[in-house]
Amino acid sequence: MNHRTHIEALGHLLTWYAEDLAFFNTFRQYAHGEIDLDAYKKSTASFQKFVNKYRVARNFEAGETALVLDICMDWYRTGQWKDTDVDDLANRLMNRGNLTREKLTVSLASKAMFLMRPDLVLPYDIRARKTLGYRKNNYAGFFEKALAFEKQHILLLDGILDRASDWLDELERPFVGQIDKLPIIRRRRLLDKLLWVGV
């Protein structure tokens, strides 16, 4: 890894972190009944905006966003969001939704689960898989490799985060007391960016 790559990953983190936190918090508010579906749809951090930003709306037919959200919420209410069983959510999406291609559905499920558990789940995408040298089409194996990468590079991750801690504190300030585990989310978001830029 080189310093230019570290700077690029940190730049991506600083650029998108506040928006990601807004997505996480608005989903949390909807899932916990603090806002209703109409307010969620009208939010600047709506589920539709999330699937557009993370480029997973292409995984299902136009107009199916409400169905995908319903499937995700049914799954969320079972309590399985507390684990990392992204593959189970992918199967549910394949079985109930009008979705396309299995590989894209795993990507969609990982990003929906990431919305529910940003302190735990990493988005599964082609760039991260390439960085990890992972070719199979399941989340469990990908996540195992990502955790091994995180463990191997923990000092690097913490060093990069230390350099930007004041800026990250400022971005997190509106969400303190609303989103749990911000220090872990902060590191996982940087890990995702390092995998994405292809260290």
Protein backbone atom coordinates (compact mmCIF):
# COMPACT_ATOMS: atom_id res chain seq x y z
CA MET A 1 0.00 0.00 0.00
CA ASN A 2 1.17 3.52 -0.65
CA HIS A 3 0.43 6.93 0.83
CA ARG A 4 -1.35 8.14 -2.31
CA THR A 5 -3.85 5.30 -1.96
CA HIS A 6 -4.35 6.09 1.74
CA ILE A 7 -5.05 9.73 0.89
CA GLU A 8 -7.53 8.71 -1.81
CA ALA A 9 -9.38 6.38 0.58
CA LEU A 10 -9.50 9.06 3.28
CA GLY A 11 -10.74 11.58 0.73
CA HIS A 12 -13.61 9.28 -0.21
CA LEU A 13 -14.42 8.75 3.48
CA LEU A 14 -14.50 12.48 4.24
CA THR A 15 -16.57 13.19 1.13
CA TRP A 16 -19.32 10.64 1.77
CA TYR A 17 -19.27 9.96 5.53
CA ALA A 18 -21.91 12.51 6.60
CA GLU A 19 -24.28 11.32 3.87
CA ASP A 20 -23.76 7.70 4.93
CA LEU A 21 -24.49 8.60 8.55
CA ALA A 22 -27.69 10.33 7.45
CA PHE A 23 -28.74 7.17 5.57
CA PHE A 24 -28.02 5.01 8.63
CA ASN A 25 -29.85 7.34 11.00
CA THR A 26 -32.93 7.82 8.82
CA PHE A 27 -33.27 4.07 8.33
CA ARG A 28 -32.92 3.61 12.11
CA GLN A 29 -35.67 6.20 12.68
CA TYR A 30 -37.98 4.41 10.24
CA ALA A 31 -37.19 0.93 11.58
CA HIS A 32 -37.85 2.06 15.17
CA GLY A 33 -41.10 3.85 14.32
CA GLU A 34 -39.75 7.36 14.93
CA ILE A 35 -40.82 8.39 11.42
CA ASP A 36 -43.48 6.84 9.19
CA LEU A 37 -43.08 5.48 5.68
CA ASP A 38 -44.27 8.70 4.06
CA ALA A 39 -41.66 10.74 5.95
CA TYR A 40 -38.99 8.18 5.07
CA LYS A 41 -39.88 8.37 1.37
CA LYS A 42 -39.70 12.19 1.45
CA SER A 43 -36.43 12.28 3.38
CA THR A 44 -33.22 13.47 1.75
CA ALA A 45 -31.80 10.16 3.06
CA SER A 46 -34.62 7.91 1.81
CA PHE A 47 -34.26 4.24 0.88
CA GLN A 48 -34.68 5.17 -2.79
CA LYS A 49 -31.80 7.66 -2.58
CA PHE A 50 -29.71 5.04 -0.79
CA VAL A 51 -30.21 2.36 -3.46
CA ASN A 52 -29.50 4.95 -6.14
CA LYS A 53 -26.29 6.14 -4.48
CA TYR A 54 -25.01 2.61 -3.95
CA ARG A 55 -26.03 1.64 -7.50
CA VAL A 56 -28.20 -1.28 -6.55
CA ALA A 57 -31.49 0.05 -7.94
CA ARG A 58 -30.41 -1.62 -11.22
CA ASN A 59 -30.76 -5.00 -9.46
CA PHE A 60 -34.54 -4.84 -9.60
CA GLU A 61 -37.26 -3.59 -11.89
CA ALA A 62 -38.29 0.07 -11.88
CA GLY A 63 -40.99 0.67 -9.31
CA GLU A 64 -39.90 -2.29 -7.15
CA THR A 65 -38.14 -0.21 -4.48
CA ALA A 66 -41.14 -0.43 -2.13
CA LEU A 67 -41.18 -4.23 -2.44
CA VAL A 68 -37.43 -4.45 -1.76
CA LEU A 69 -37.84 -2.25 1.31
CA ASP A 70 -40.77 -4.43 2.50
CA ILE A 71 -38.67 -7.60 2.13
CA CYS A 72 -35.78 -5.97 3.99
CA MET A 73 -38.07 -4.75 6.76
CA ASP A 74 -39.69 -8.18 7.14
CA TRP A 75 -36.21 -9.64 7.49
CA TYR A 76 -35.17 -6.85 9.87
CA ARG A 77 -38.15 -7.54 12.14
CA THR A 78 -37.01 -11.17 12.54
CA GLY A 79 -33.95 -9.85 14.37
CA GLN A 80 -31.49 -11.38 11.89
CA TRP A 81 -29.99 -7.94 11.23
CA LYS A 82 -28.07 -8.50 14.47
CA ASP A 83 -25.94 -11.08 12.65
CA THR A 84 -24.11 -11.00 9.32
CA ASP A 85 -26.30 -13.44 7.40
CA VAL A 86 -26.33 -11.39 4.23
CA ASP A 87 -26.62 -14.56 2.15
CA ASP A 88 -29.97 -15.35 3.82
CA LEU A 89 -31.29 -11.89 2.98
CA ALA A 90 -30.04 -12.33 -0.60
CA ASN A 91 -32.00 -15.58 -0.86
CA ARG A 92 -35.14 -13.91 0.44
CA LEU A 93 -34.78 -11.10 -2.07
CA MET A 94 -34.31 -13.63 -4.88
CA ASN A 95 -37.33 -15.66 -3.79
CA ARG A 96 -39.77 -12.79 -3.21
CA GLY A 97 -38.62 -9.99 -5.45
CA ASN A 98 -38.48 -9.54 -9.20
CA LEU A 99 -34.70 -9.35 -9.01
CA THR A 100 -31.94 -10.07 -11.46
CA ARG A 101 -28.71 -12.07 -11.42
CA GLU A 102 -27.61 -13.78 -8.24
CA LYS A 103 -24.31 -11.90 -7.91
CA LEU A 104 -26.07 -8.55 -8.03
CA THR A 105 -28.59 -9.74 -5.44
CA VAL A 106 -25.77 -10.56 -2.99
CA SER A 107 -24.50 -7.03 -3.59
CA LEU A 108 -27.97 -5.58 -2.98
CA ALA A 109 -28.44 -7.64 0.19
CA SER A 110 -25.04 -6.59 1.55
CA LYS A 111 -25.86 -2.94 1.02
CA ALA A 112 -29.31 -3.26 2.61
CA MET A 113 -27.74 -5.07 5.55
CA PHE A 114 -24.98 -2.43 5.68
CA LEU A 115 -27.76 0.16 6.07
CA MET A 116 -29.02 -1.81 9.10
CA ARG A 117 -25.61 -2.65 10.63
CA PRO A 118 -22.94 -0.18 9.46
CA ASP A 119 -20.77 -1.14 12.42
CA LEU A 120 -20.58 -4.71 11.16
CA VAL A 121 -21.38 -5.22 7.48
CA LEU A 122 -19.25 -4.12 4.54
CA PRO A 123 -20.71 -3.59 1.07
CA TYR A 124 -19.97 -6.49 -1.28
CA ASP A 125 -18.94 -5.16 -4.65
CA ILE A 126 -16.64 -6.01 -7.51
CA ARG A 127 -13.90 -3.58 -6.50
CA ALA A 128 -13.67 -4.81 -2.91
CA ARG A 129 -13.76 -8.43 -4.08
CA LYS A 130 -10.95 -7.73 -6.53
CA THR A 131 -8.80 -6.13 -3.82
CA LEU A 132 -9.35 -9.17 -1.60
CA GLY A 133 -8.86 -11.63 -4.46
CA TYR A 134 -12.28 -13.12 -3.75
CA ARG A 135 -14.09 -14.77 -6.68
CA LYS A 136 -16.93 -16.74 -5.08
CA ASN A 137 -20.50 -15.48 -4.97
CA ASN A 138 -21.33 -15.52 -1.28
CA TYR A 139 -21.03 -12.92 1.41
CA ALA A 140 -19.78 -15.12 4.23
CA GLY A 141 -16.45 -15.89 2.53
CA PHE A 142 -16.02 -12.28 1.42
CA PHE A 143 -16.63 -11.01 4.95
CA GLU A 144 -14.13 -13.48 6.40
CA LYS A 145 -11.45 -12.20 4.03
CA ALA A 146 -12.36 -8.57 4.76
CA LEU A 147 -12.02 -9.16 8.51
CA ALA A 148 -8.63 -10.78 7.97
CA PHE A 149 -7.58 -7.74 5.92
CA GLU A 150 -8.80 -5.41 8.67
CA LYS A 151 -6.87 -7.32 11.33
CA GLN A 152 -3.71 -7.31 9.20
CA HIS A 153 -3.95 -3.54 8.61
CA ILE A 154 -5.43 -2.34 11.91
CA LEU A 155 -2.51 -0.04 12.72
CA LEU A 156 -2.70 1.53 9.28
CA LEU A 157 -6.47 2.09 9.61
CA ASP A 158 -6.11 3.67 13.03
CA GLY A 159 -3.20 5.82 11.87
CA ILE A 160 -5.19 7.23 8.94
CA LEU A 161 -8.21 7.86 11.15
CA ASP A 162 -6.08 9.62 13.77
CA ARG A 163 -4.89 12.12 11.15
CA ALA A 164 -8.48 13.07 10.33
CA SER A 165 -10.05 12.62 13.76
CA ASP A 166 -11.07 16.28 14.22
CA TRP A 167 -12.83 16.38 10.85
CA LEU A 168 -14.54 13.04 11.45
CA ASP A 169 -15.65 14.17 14.92
CA GLU A 170 -17.25 17.20 13.29
CA LEU A 171 -19.08 15.06 10.71
CA GLU A 172 -20.33 12.72 13.44
CA ARG A 173 -21.46 15.47 15.82
CA PRO A 174 -25.09 15.69 14.58
CA PHE A 175 -25.47 11.91 15.06
CA VAL A 176 -23.96 11.51 18.53
CA GLY A 177 -26.58 9.90 20.78
CA GLN A 178 -28.56 8.69 17.77
CA ILE A 179 -26.21 6.22 16.07
CA ASP A 180 -24.43 3.64 18.24
CA LYS A 181 -20.84 2.48 17.77
CA LEU A 182 -19.60 5.49 15.80
CA PRO A 183 -15.89 4.65 16.34
CA ILE A 184 -16.42 1.20 14.83
CA ILE A 185 -18.50 2.59 11.97
CA ARG A 186 -15.76 5.14 11.28
CA ARG A 187 -13.13 2.40 10.94
CA ARG A 188 -15.38 0.14 8.86
CA ARG A 189 -16.15 2.97 6.47
CA LEU A 190 -12.42 3.58 5.99
CA LEU A 191 -11.85 -0.16 5.52
CA ASP A 192 -14.52 -0.16 2.82
CA LYS A 193 -12.86 2.81 1.10
CA LEU A 194 -9.42 1.14 1.19
CA LEU A 195 -10.89 -1.99 -0.36
CA TRP A 196 -12.73 0.13 -2.91
CA VAL A 197 -9.69 2.09 -4.11
CA GLY A 198 -7.77 -1.16 -4.45
CA VAL A 199 -4.82 -0.97 -2.07
